[in-house]
Amino acid sequence: MIIEKEKFIGLFAENDITITDEMYEKLYEYSELLVDWNNKINLTAITDPEGITVKHFLDSLLIFKHADIKENASVIDVGTGAGFPGVPMKIYRPDLKVTLLDSLNKRINFLNEVSEKTELHMECIHGRAEECGRKSELRESFDIAVARAVAAMPVLCEYCLPYVRVGGYFIAMKGPGEDISAAENAVKILGGKIVKISDYDLNGDGRKIAVVKKISHTPIKYPRNSGQITKKPL
């Protein structure tokens, strides 16, 4: 359920991303599972080969063009949904230690099957971001937190920055209309600093990536509960 291999590899090459035959096979298998499971549970509205290729896979991997992710980094994908960007990141960079976090157990069941059948060995965790962010085994335990989510940047920062160790990064994949500067207060309170904002084009659609460096520990009272986070953003 992705476009044929030669065209697929060429499309990614145009974006300076090299896809091997093995990567293509794993992405293909992932797409097949995605479409199959989507008939049972709502994972994505995008199920056509072109859409999956560009809006899910290419979009996920463009993160490597705009953020420097070191070898063997530990990565948590917060609110991963159907596995974006975490699963494509793991396929492209098998050295990464990827954890997928989502609040819906049905999605975690899907992701566990993806991890098993593609032999990616990812950790899949069922839980709410604001609750797991207070757990000692997860809090400030990751080199990188990523999110491709619709929540406004100040809200997303409170969900994600508590997972990042000091010296690590939170990478937010956003739409073109997002005002990243609106999150400056939240970022500062949570121990971060915005170090890079990149605008890019995804086959005619605007996209934005914000990179936040964790420069100090997140105060223990954050994250708050979800109602406070959304009703009274920092």
Protein backbone atom coordinates (compact mmCIF):
# COMPACT_ATOMS: atom_id res chain seq x y z
CA MET A 1 0.00 0.00 0.00
CA ILE A 2 2.78 2.39 -0.93
CA ILE A 3 3.92 3.47 -4.37
CA GLU A 4 6.13 1.08 -6.33
CA LYS A 5 9.74 0.77 -5.24
CA GLU A 6 11.60 2.63 -7.99
CA LYS A 7 9.29 5.65 -7.79
CA PHE A 8 9.33 5.52 -3.98
CA ILE A 9 13.13 5.46 -3.74
CA GLY A 10 13.35 8.25 -6.32
CA LEU A 11 10.91 10.46 -4.41
CA PHE A 12 12.92 10.13 -1.21
CA ALA A 13 16.19 10.67 -3.08
CA GLU A 14 14.81 14.00 -4.32
CA ASN A 15 14.59 14.93 -0.65
CA ASP A 16 18.14 13.71 0.09
CA ILE A 17 16.90 10.58 1.89
CA THR A 18 18.41 7.26 0.82
CA ILE A 19 16.01 4.32 1.06
CA THR A 20 17.47 0.81 0.82
CA ASP A 21 15.60 -2.26 -0.41
CA GLU A 22 15.32 -3.49 3.19
CA MET A 23 13.86 -0.18 4.36
CA TYR A 24 11.35 -0.24 1.52
CA GLU A 25 10.24 -3.79 2.40
CA LYS A 26 9.71 -2.86 6.06
CA LEU A 27 7.82 0.31 5.15
CA TYR A 28 5.71 -1.72 2.73
CA GLU A 29 4.90 -4.30 5.41
CA TYR A 30 4.06 -1.52 7.85
CA SER A 31 1.70 0.09 5.33
CA GLU A 32 -0.06 -3.23 4.74
CA LEU A 33 -0.63 -3.67 8.46
CA LEU A 34 -1.80 -0.07 8.73
CA VAL A 35 -4.46 -0.48 6.04
CA ASP A 36 -5.56 -3.88 7.37
CA TRP A 37 -5.94 -2.68 10.95
CA ASN A 38 -7.61 0.53 9.79
CA ASN A 39 -10.56 -1.60 8.72
CA LYS A 40 -11.00 -2.60 12.38
CA ILE A 41 -10.01 0.54 14.30
CA ASN A 42 -9.62 4.17 13.27
CA LEU A 43 -5.89 4.72 12.77
CA THR A 44 -5.70 7.16 9.86
CA ALA A 45 -7.85 8.86 7.25
CA ILE A 46 -4.98 8.48 4.76
CA THR A 47 -4.96 5.00 3.22
CA ASP A 48 -4.06 5.51 -0.45
CA PRO A 49 -0.53 4.57 -1.59
CA GLU A 50 0.46 8.12 -2.54
CA GLY A 51 -0.93 9.55 0.70
CA ILE A 52 0.80 7.00 2.93
CA THR A 53 4.06 7.47 1.04
CA VAL A 54 4.13 11.26 1.21
CA LYS A 55 1.99 12.40 4.13
CA HIS A 56 3.06 9.67 6.54
CA PHE A 57 6.42 8.21 5.51
CA LEU A 58 8.18 11.10 3.77
CA ASP A 59 6.86 13.61 6.30
CA SER A 60 8.13 11.44 9.18
CA LEU A 61 11.61 11.03 7.73
CA LEU A 62 12.09 14.70 6.85
CA ILE A 63 12.71 15.14 10.57
CA PHE A 64 16.29 13.97 9.94
CA LYS A 65 16.88 16.87 7.53
CA HIS A 66 15.95 19.46 10.13
CA ALA A 67 17.21 17.95 13.38
CA ASP A 68 20.49 16.28 14.28
CA ILE A 69 19.72 12.98 16.03
CA LYS A 70 22.85 11.27 17.31
CA GLU A 71 23.63 7.59 16.89
CA ASN A 72 21.96 5.21 19.38
CA ALA A 73 19.77 8.00 20.74
CA SER A 74 16.76 7.06 22.85
CA VAL A 75 13.58 8.49 21.31
CA ILE A 76 10.04 8.67 22.65
CA ASP A 77 7.19 9.41 20.25
CA VAL A 78 4.52 11.06 22.41
CA GLY A 79 0.94 10.53 21.23
CA THR A 80 2.22 8.39 18.40
CA GLY A 81 -1.20 7.37 17.07
CA ALA A 82 -0.59 4.96 14.20
CA GLY A 83 3.18 5.24 14.74
CA PHE A 84 4.19 8.52 13.12
CA PRO A 85 6.92 9.61 13.09
CA GLY A 86 8.41 6.95 15.41
CA VAL A 87 8.05 3.80 13.31
CA PRO A 88 9.46 5.24 10.06
CA MET A 89 12.29 6.78 12.11
CA LYS A 90 13.17 3.34 13.51
CA ILE A 91 13.03 1.73 10.06
CA TYR A 92 15.32 4.41 8.64
CA ARG A 93 17.63 4.49 11.68
CA PRO A 94 17.68 1.02 13.30
CA ASP A 95 20.30 2.27 15.78
CA LEU A 96 17.68 4.41 17.53
CA LYS A 97 16.02 3.09 20.68
CA VAL A 98 12.39 3.98 19.99
CA THR A 99 9.52 4.06 22.50
CA LEU A 100 5.98 4.63 21.25
CA LEU A 101 3.47 6.15 23.69
CA ASP A 102 -0.27 6.41 23.11
CA SER A 103 -3.35 6.70 25.30
CA LEU A 104 -5.47 4.26 23.26
CA ASN A 105 -4.75 0.60 23.95
CA LYS A 106 -6.09 -0.51 20.55
CA ARG A 107 -3.38 1.55 18.86
CA ILE A 108 -0.73 0.02 21.14
CA ASN A 109 -1.95 -3.46 20.17
CA PHE A 110 -1.49 -2.48 16.53
CA LEU A 111 1.97 -1.05 17.17
CA ASN A 112 3.04 -4.16 19.07
CA GLU A 113 2.13 -6.23 16.01
CA VAL A 114 4.03 -3.84 13.76
CA SER A 115 7.07 -4.09 16.04
CA GLU A 116 6.91 -7.88 16.11
CA LYS A 117 6.28 -8.53 12.41
CA THR A 118 8.87 -6.02 11.20
CA GLU A 119 11.36 -7.11 13.91
CA LEU A 120 11.93 -3.50 14.94
CA HIS A 121 11.95 -4.24 18.70
CA MET A 122 10.29 -1.00 19.79
CA GLU A 123 8.79 -0.48 23.23
CA CYS A 124 5.09 0.33 23.03
CA ILE A 125 3.49 1.92 26.09
CA HIS A 126 -0.20 2.45 26.78
CA GLY A 127 -0.73 5.57 28.87
CA ARG A 128 -1.60 9.24 28.98
CA ALA A 129 1.31 11.55 28.26
CA GLU A 130 0.79 13.72 31.33
CA GLU A 131 0.62 10.67 33.63
CA CYS A 132 3.58 8.79 32.16
CA GLY A 133 5.63 11.98 32.24
CA ARG A 134 5.52 11.84 36.04
CA LYS A 135 6.77 8.24 36.23
CA SER A 136 10.37 7.99 37.43
CA GLU A 137 11.31 5.34 34.85
CA LEU A 138 10.25 7.63 31.99
CA ARG A 139 10.74 11.17 33.29
CA GLU A 140 13.83 12.90 31.85
CA SER A 141 14.97 9.54 30.48
CA PHE A 142 15.16 10.20 26.74
CA ASP A 143 17.61 11.94 24.44
CA ILE A 144 14.78 12.95 22.13
CA ALA A 145 11.02 13.41 22.43
CA VAL A 146 9.11 13.79 19.16
CA ALA A 147 5.49 14.61 18.46
CA ARG A 148 3.49 15.06 15.31
CA ALA A 149 0.36 16.34 16.96
CA VAL A 150 -2.42 18.88 16.50
CA ALA A 151 -2.11 20.35 20.01
CA ALA A 152 -0.88 23.95 20.20
CA MET A 153 2.83 24.28 20.90
CA PRO A 154 2.53 25.49 24.55
CA VAL A 155 0.33 22.47 25.32
CA LEU A 156 2.56 20.06 23.42
CA CYS A 157 5.64 21.28 25.28
CA GLU A 158 4.12 20.41 28.66
CA TYR A 159 3.25 16.93 27.42
CA CYS A 160 6.68 16.27 25.93
CA LEU A 161 9.50 18.18 27.64
CA PRO A 162 9.22 16.26 30.94
CA TYR A 163 10.47 13.14 29.10
CA VAL A 164 13.66 14.78 27.85
CA ARG A 165 16.89 14.58 29.80
CA VAL A 166 18.93 17.76 30.29
CA GLY A 167 20.99 18.20 27.13
CA GLY A 168 18.40 16.39 25.01
CA TYR A 169 15.83 17.76 22.58
CA PHE A 170 12.10 17.97 21.98
CA ILE A 171 11.25 18.02 18.26
CA ALA A 172 7.76 19.19 17.30
CA MET A 173 6.35 18.61 13.82
CA LYS A 174 3.76 21.31 13.16
CA GLY A 175 1.58 22.87 10.50
CA PRO A 176 2.58 26.06 8.69
CA GLY A 177 0.26 28.34 10.66
CA GLU A 178 1.69 27.50 14.07
CA ASP A 179 3.20 30.42 15.96
CA ILE A 180 6.12 28.74 17.71
CA SER A 181 7.00 31.96 19.55
CA ALA A 182 3.74 31.62 21.49
CA ALA A 183 5.38 28.72 23.33
CA GLU A 184 8.43 30.67 24.55
CA ASN A 185 7.04 31.10 28.07
CA ALA A 186 6.05 27.43 28.34
CA VAL A 187 9.43 26.31 27.02
CA LYS A 188 11.27 28.48 29.55
CA ILE A 189 9.17 27.29 32.51
CA LEU A 190 9.65 23.64 31.53
CA GLY A 191 13.44 23.95 31.26
CA GLY A 192 13.87 24.34 27.53
CA LYS A 193 15.10 26.77 24.91
CA ILE A 194 13.91 27.02 21.30
CA VAL A 195 17.06 26.58 19.21
CA LYS A 196 15.72 26.07 15.69
CA ILE A 197 12.57 26.57 13.65
CA SER A 198 12.49 25.21 10.10
CA ASP A 199 9.83 25.79 7.46
CA TYR A 200 9.69 23.28 4.63
CA ASP A 201 7.48 22.06 1.83
CA LEU A 202 5.85 18.63 1.60
CA ASN A 203 4.73 18.24 -2.00
CA GLY A 204 3.07 21.64 -1.99
CA ASP A 205 1.93 21.65 1.63
CA GLY A 206 3.70 23.81 4.20
CA ARG A 207 5.23 22.23 7.28
CA LYS A 208 7.22 23.43 10.27
CA ILE A 209 9.64 21.74 12.67
CA ALA A 210 10.63 23.28 16.00
CA VAL A 211 13.64 22.02 17.94
CA VAL A 212 13.74 22.73 21.68
CA LYS A 213 16.86 21.99 23.74
CA LYS A 214 16.43 20.90 27.35
CA ILE A 215 18.78 23.11 29.37
CA SER A 216 17.49 22.53 32.92
CA HIS A 217 15.28 20.10 34.81
CA THR A 218 11.52 20.39 34.46
CA PRO A 219 9.99 21.52 37.77
CA ILE A 220 8.38 18.58 39.58
CA LYS A 221 4.87 20.05 39.39
CA TYR A 222 4.83 19.61 35.61
CA PRO A 223 3.15 18.12 33.72
CA ARG A 224 -0.14 19.12 35.29
CA ASN A 225 -3.34 17.18 34.64
CA SER A 226 -4.76 17.34 31.12
CA GLY A 227 -7.56 19.74 32.03
CA GLN A 228 -5.14 22.30 33.41
CA ILE A 229 -2.74 21.85 30.49
CA THR A 230 -5.38 22.54 27.86
CA LYS A 231 -7.47 25.14 29.72
CA LYS A 232 -4.58 27.15 31.15
CA PRO A 233 -1.55 26.73 28.84
CA LEU A 234 1.72 27.99 30.26
